[in-house]
Amino acid sequence: LEPKQAARELKLILQKAPTQDEFIRGSMGKGAHRADEIGRTMRDVKNYVCRALELDGLLDDDNGMELLVAGTICKLDLPIAAVYDQVWAKAHAAP
């Protein structure tokens, strides 16, 4: 038997690149979004953003929007927790 791992609570701050203001209307808000309410993968994050910004035409298009995390484009099939651990946390770790 292995003890159950406690689920981590990851919070995402979703920001639209300032260069996209002219092309994409709307805002993701200032607050953090709980990852467990969005989904498990970065595709779920992309679809959440598409719905929030009323970009329904991009819901089925995996090439229509890129997600940048700490300056790195992330594949949509990656788990949110893995991107947090391997991209964001590493980029923000103290030297």
N, C-alpha and C. Protein backbone atom coordinates (compact mmCIF):
# COMPACT_ATOMS: atom_id res chain seq x y z
N LEU A 1 0.83 -1.19 0.00
CA LEU A 1 0.00 0.00 0.00
C LEU A 1 0.87 1.24 0.00
N GLU A 2 0.42 2.20 -0.75
CA GLU A 2 1.11 3.48 -0.77
C GLU A 2 0.17 4.54 -0.24
N PRO A 3 0.70 5.46 0.55
CA PRO A 3 -0.18 6.53 1.04
C PRO A 3 -0.62 7.42 -0.12
N LYS A 4 -1.84 7.91 -0.02
CA LYS A 4 -2.34 8.82 -1.04
C LYS A 4 -1.59 10.13 -0.96
N GLN A 5 -1.22 10.64 -2.13
CA GLN A 5 -0.58 11.95 -2.17
C GLN A 5 -1.66 13.02 -2.08
N ALA A 6 -1.40 13.99 -1.26
CA ALA A 6 -2.35 15.11 -1.16
C ALA A 6 -2.29 15.91 -2.47
N ALA A 7 -3.44 16.25 -2.98
CA ALA A 7 -3.49 17.04 -4.21
C ALA A 7 -2.97 18.43 -3.94
N ARG A 8 -2.12 18.89 -4.85
CA ARG A 8 -1.59 20.25 -4.71
C ARG A 8 -2.58 21.25 -5.29
N GLU A 9 -2.63 22.38 -4.69
CA GLU A 9 -3.49 23.43 -5.20
C GLU A 9 -2.62 24.39 -6.00
N LEU A 10 -2.73 24.31 -7.31
CA LEU A 10 -1.98 25.20 -8.19
C LEU A 10 -2.89 26.32 -8.65
N LYS A 11 -2.37 27.52 -8.61
CA LYS A 11 -3.13 28.67 -9.07
C LYS A 11 -2.44 29.26 -10.29
N LEU A 12 -3.23 29.59 -11.29
CA LEU A 12 -2.71 30.12 -12.54
C LEU A 12 -3.09 31.59 -12.67
N ILE A 13 -2.13 32.38 -13.05
CA ILE A 13 -2.41 33.79 -13.37
C ILE A 13 -2.32 33.88 -14.88
N LEU A 14 -3.45 34.10 -15.51
CA LEU A 14 -3.54 34.10 -16.97
C LEU A 14 -3.51 35.53 -17.47
N GLN A 15 -2.53 35.82 -18.31
CA GLN A 15 -2.36 37.17 -18.84
C GLN A 15 -2.28 37.12 -20.35
N LYS A 16 -2.93 38.05 -20.96
CA LYS A 16 -2.85 38.19 -22.42
C LYS A 16 -1.64 39.08 -22.73
N ALA A 17 -0.86 38.69 -23.72
CA ALA A 17 0.29 39.49 -24.11
C ALA A 17 -0.19 40.86 -24.57
N PRO A 18 0.48 41.93 -24.11
CA PRO A 18 0.06 43.28 -24.51
C PRO A 18 0.03 43.47 -26.03
N THR A 19 0.87 42.74 -26.75
CA THR A 19 0.89 42.86 -28.20
C THR A 19 -0.37 42.29 -28.84
N GLN A 20 -1.17 41.56 -28.08
CA GLN A 20 -2.39 40.94 -28.61
C GLN A 20 -3.65 41.73 -28.31
N ASP A 21 -3.53 42.84 -27.57
CA ASP A 21 -4.70 43.64 -27.20
C ASP A 21 -5.51 44.09 -28.42
N GLU A 22 -4.83 44.40 -29.49
CA GLU A 22 -5.50 44.87 -30.70
C GLU A 22 -6.29 43.76 -31.38
N PHE A 23 -5.83 42.52 -31.23
CA PHE A 23 -6.42 41.39 -31.95
C PHE A 23 -7.41 40.60 -31.11
N ILE A 24 -7.19 40.57 -29.79
CA ILE A 24 -8.03 39.77 -28.90
C ILE A 24 -8.65 40.70 -27.87
N ARG A 25 -9.93 40.85 -27.92
CA ARG A 25 -10.66 41.70 -26.97
C ARG A 25 -10.86 40.95 -25.66
N GLY A 26 -11.11 41.70 -24.61
CA GLY A 26 -11.44 41.09 -23.33
C GLY A 26 -10.23 40.95 -22.42
N SER A 27 -10.52 40.44 -21.23
CA SER A 27 -9.49 40.32 -20.20
C SER A 27 -9.72 39.03 -19.43
N MET A 28 -8.65 38.48 -18.89
CA MET A 28 -8.74 37.27 -18.08
C MET A 28 -8.93 37.61 -16.60
N GLY A 29 -9.00 38.87 -16.27
CA GLY A 29 -9.15 39.26 -14.87
C GLY A 29 -7.81 39.29 -14.17
N LYS A 30 -7.78 39.86 -13.01
CA LYS A 30 -6.53 40.04 -12.27
C LYS A 30 -6.23 38.89 -11.32
N GLY A 31 -7.25 38.15 -10.92
CA GLY A 31 -7.07 37.12 -9.91
C GLY A 31 -6.49 35.82 -10.46
N ALA A 32 -6.10 34.98 -9.54
CA ALA A 32 -5.57 33.66 -9.89
C ALA A 32 -6.73 32.69 -10.13
N HIS A 33 -6.51 31.75 -11.02
CA HIS A 33 -7.50 30.74 -11.36
C HIS A 33 -6.99 29.40 -10.85
N ARG A 34 -7.83 28.65 -10.17
CA ARG A 34 -7.42 27.35 -9.65
C ARG A 34 -7.33 26.34 -10.79
N ALA A 35 -6.18 25.68 -10.87
CA ALA A 35 -5.94 24.72 -11.94
C ALA A 35 -6.96 23.59 -11.92
N ASP A 36 -7.35 23.14 -10.74
CA ASP A 36 -8.29 22.02 -10.67
C ASP A 36 -9.68 22.39 -11.17
N GLU A 37 -9.98 23.68 -11.26
CA GLU A 37 -11.26 24.12 -11.82
C GLU A 37 -11.19 24.28 -13.33
N ILE A 38 -9.97 24.35 -13.86
CA ILE A 38 -9.76 24.53 -15.30
C ILE A 38 -9.67 23.17 -15.99
N GLY A 39 -8.90 22.29 -15.41
CA GLY A 39 -8.70 20.97 -16.01
C GLY A 39 -7.35 20.40 -15.64
N ARG A 40 -6.90 19.43 -16.42
CA ARG A 40 -5.64 18.74 -16.11
C ARG A 40 -4.50 19.10 -17.04
N THR A 41 -4.82 19.47 -18.29
CA THR A 41 -3.77 19.71 -19.28
C THR A 41 -3.74 21.16 -19.74
N MET A 42 -2.68 21.48 -20.44
CA MET A 42 -2.56 22.83 -20.99
C MET A 42 -3.62 23.07 -22.07
N ARG A 43 -4.11 22.03 -22.71
CA ARG A 43 -5.22 22.16 -23.67
C ARG A 43 -6.47 22.66 -22.93
N ASP A 44 -6.68 22.17 -21.73
CA ASP A 44 -7.80 22.65 -20.92
C ASP A 44 -7.63 24.13 -20.60
N VAL A 45 -6.40 24.56 -20.36
CA VAL A 45 -6.12 25.99 -20.10
C VAL A 45 -6.44 26.80 -21.35
N LYS A 46 -5.97 26.33 -22.50
CA LYS A 46 -6.24 27.04 -23.76
C LYS A 46 -7.74 27.17 -24.00
N ASN A 47 -8.47 26.07 -23.79
CA ASN A 47 -9.92 26.11 -24.01
C ASN A 47 -10.62 27.02 -23.00
N TYR A 48 -10.12 27.05 -21.78
CA TYR A 48 -10.67 27.95 -20.76
C TYR A 48 -10.48 29.41 -21.20
N VAL A 49 -9.30 29.73 -21.69
CA VAL A 49 -9.01 31.08 -22.17
C VAL A 49 -9.92 31.41 -23.36
N CYS A 50 -10.05 30.47 -24.29
CA CYS A 50 -10.90 30.69 -25.47
C CYS A 50 -12.34 30.99 -25.06
N ARG A 51 -12.86 30.23 -24.11
CA ARG A 51 -14.24 30.47 -23.65
C ARG A 51 -14.36 31.82 -22.95
N ALA A 52 -13.39 32.14 -22.10
CA ALA A 52 -13.44 33.39 -21.33
C ALA A 52 -13.37 34.61 -22.24
N LEU A 53 -12.61 34.50 -23.33
CA LEU A 53 -12.45 35.63 -24.25
C LEU A 53 -13.38 35.54 -25.45
N GLU A 54 -14.33 34.59 -25.40
CA GLU A 54 -15.30 34.39 -26.46
C GLU A 54 -14.64 34.14 -27.81
N LEU A 55 -13.61 33.29 -27.80
CA LEU A 55 -12.91 32.89 -29.02
C LEU A 55 -13.30 31.45 -29.35
N ASP A 56 -14.59 31.22 -29.48
CA ASP A 56 -15.10 29.87 -29.67
C ASP A 56 -14.53 29.19 -30.91
N GLY A 57 -14.15 29.96 -31.91
CA GLY A 57 -13.59 29.39 -33.13
C GLY A 57 -12.25 28.71 -32.91
N LEU A 58 -11.60 29.01 -31.81
CA LEU A 58 -10.29 28.40 -31.52
C LEU A 58 -10.38 27.19 -30.60
N LEU A 59 -11.58 26.85 -30.15
CA LEU A 59 -11.71 25.72 -29.23
C LEU A 59 -11.21 24.41 -29.84
N ASP A 60 -11.48 24.19 -31.10
CA ASP A 60 -11.06 22.95 -31.76
C ASP A 60 -9.75 23.10 -32.53
N ASP A 61 -9.14 24.27 -32.45
CA ASP A 61 -7.92 24.56 -33.21
C ASP A 61 -6.73 24.62 -32.27
N ASP A 62 -5.95 23.55 -32.24
CA ASP A 62 -4.78 23.52 -31.35
C ASP A 62 -3.63 24.37 -31.85
N ASN A 63 -3.71 24.88 -33.06
CA ASN A 63 -2.62 25.70 -33.60
C ASN A 63 -2.95 27.19 -33.60
N GLY A 64 -4.14 27.56 -33.17
CA GLY A 64 -4.58 28.94 -33.25
C GLY A 64 -4.12 29.82 -32.09
N MET A 65 -3.63 29.21 -31.02
CA MET A 65 -3.20 29.97 -29.85
C MET A 65 -2.04 29.24 -29.18
N GLU A 66 -1.01 30.00 -28.85
CA GLU A 66 0.13 29.43 -28.12
C GLU A 66 0.06 29.87 -26.66
N LEU A 67 0.44 28.98 -25.78
CA LEU A 67 0.51 29.30 -24.36
C LEU A 67 1.98 29.41 -23.96
N LEU A 68 2.34 30.57 -23.44
CA LEU A 68 3.70 30.81 -22.99
C LEU A 68 3.75 30.73 -21.47
N VAL A 69 4.69 29.97 -20.97
CA VAL A 69 4.93 29.88 -19.53
C VAL A 69 6.40 30.20 -19.33
N ALA A 70 6.68 31.29 -18.63
CA ALA A 70 8.05 31.73 -18.38
C ALA A 70 8.83 31.82 -19.69
N GLY A 71 8.19 32.33 -20.73
CA GLY A 71 8.84 32.52 -22.01
C GLY A 71 8.98 31.26 -22.87
N THR A 72 8.38 30.16 -22.44
CA THR A 72 8.46 28.89 -23.15
C THR A 72 7.09 28.51 -23.70
N ILE A 73 7.04 28.19 -24.99
CA ILE A 73 5.78 27.70 -25.57
C ILE A 73 5.57 26.28 -25.07
N CYS A 74 4.38 26.02 -24.55
CA CYS A 74 4.08 24.71 -23.96
C CYS A 74 3.18 23.89 -24.86
N LYS A 75 3.50 22.61 -24.98
CA LYS A 75 2.64 21.69 -25.72
C LYS A 75 1.32 21.53 -24.97
N LEU A 76 0.24 21.43 -25.71
CA LEU A 76 -1.08 21.41 -25.10
C LEU A 76 -1.42 20.10 -24.41
N ASP A 77 -0.71 19.02 -24.72
CA ASP A 77 -1.02 17.76 -24.08
C ASP A 77 -0.30 17.55 -22.75
N LEU A 78 0.53 18.52 -22.35
CA LEU A 78 1.26 18.40 -21.08
C LEU A 78 0.33 18.67 -19.89
N PRO A 79 0.53 17.93 -18.81
CA PRO A 79 -0.23 18.21 -17.59
C PRO A 79 0.15 19.57 -17.00
N ILE A 80 -0.82 20.26 -16.45
CA ILE A 80 -0.57 21.58 -15.84
C ILE A 80 0.49 21.47 -14.75
N ALA A 81 0.40 20.44 -13.90
CA ALA A 81 1.35 20.28 -12.80
C ALA A 81 2.77 20.08 -13.31
N ALA A 82 2.94 19.35 -14.41
CA ALA A 82 4.27 19.13 -14.98
C ALA A 82 4.85 20.43 -15.52
N VAL A 83 4.03 21.24 -16.16
CA VAL A 83 4.49 22.54 -16.68
C VAL A 83 4.88 23.43 -15.51
N TYR A 84 4.10 23.40 -14.46
CA TYR A 84 4.44 24.19 -13.27
C TYR A 84 5.81 23.76 -12.73
N ASP A 85 6.00 22.47 -12.53
CA ASP A 85 7.24 21.96 -11.94
C ASP A 85 8.45 22.15 -12.85
N GLN A 86 8.30 21.84 -14.12
CA GLN A 86 9.45 21.78 -15.02
C GLN A 86 9.74 23.07 -15.77
N VAL A 87 8.77 23.97 -15.83
CA VAL A 87 8.99 25.22 -16.56
C VAL A 87 8.92 26.42 -15.61
N TRP A 88 7.76 26.64 -15.01
CA TRP A 88 7.57 27.85 -14.21
C TRP A 88 8.46 27.84 -12.95
N ALA A 89 8.42 26.77 -12.19
CA ALA A 89 9.18 26.72 -10.93
C ALA A 89 10.68 26.83 -11.20
N LYS A 90 11.16 26.16 -12.24
CA LYS A 90 12.59 26.24 -12.57
C LYS A 90 12.99 27.65 -12.97
N ALA A 91 12.13 28.31 -13.73
CA ALA A 91 12.43 29.68 -14.18
C ALA A 91 12.42 30.67 -13.02
N HIS A 92 11.69 30.36 -11.94
CA HIS A 92 11.59 31.28 -10.81
C HIS A 92 12.36 30.82 -9.58
N ALA A 93 13.17 29.77 -9.74
CA ALA A 93 13.97 29.28 -8.61
C ALA A 93 15.13 30.23 -8.35
N ALA A 94 15.48 30.35 -7.09
CA ALA A 94 16.62 31.18 -6.72
C ALA A 94 17.90 30.50 -7.20
N PRO A 95 18.85 31.29 -7.72
CA PRO A 95 20.12 30.71 -8.22
C PRO A 95 20.97 30.13 -7.11
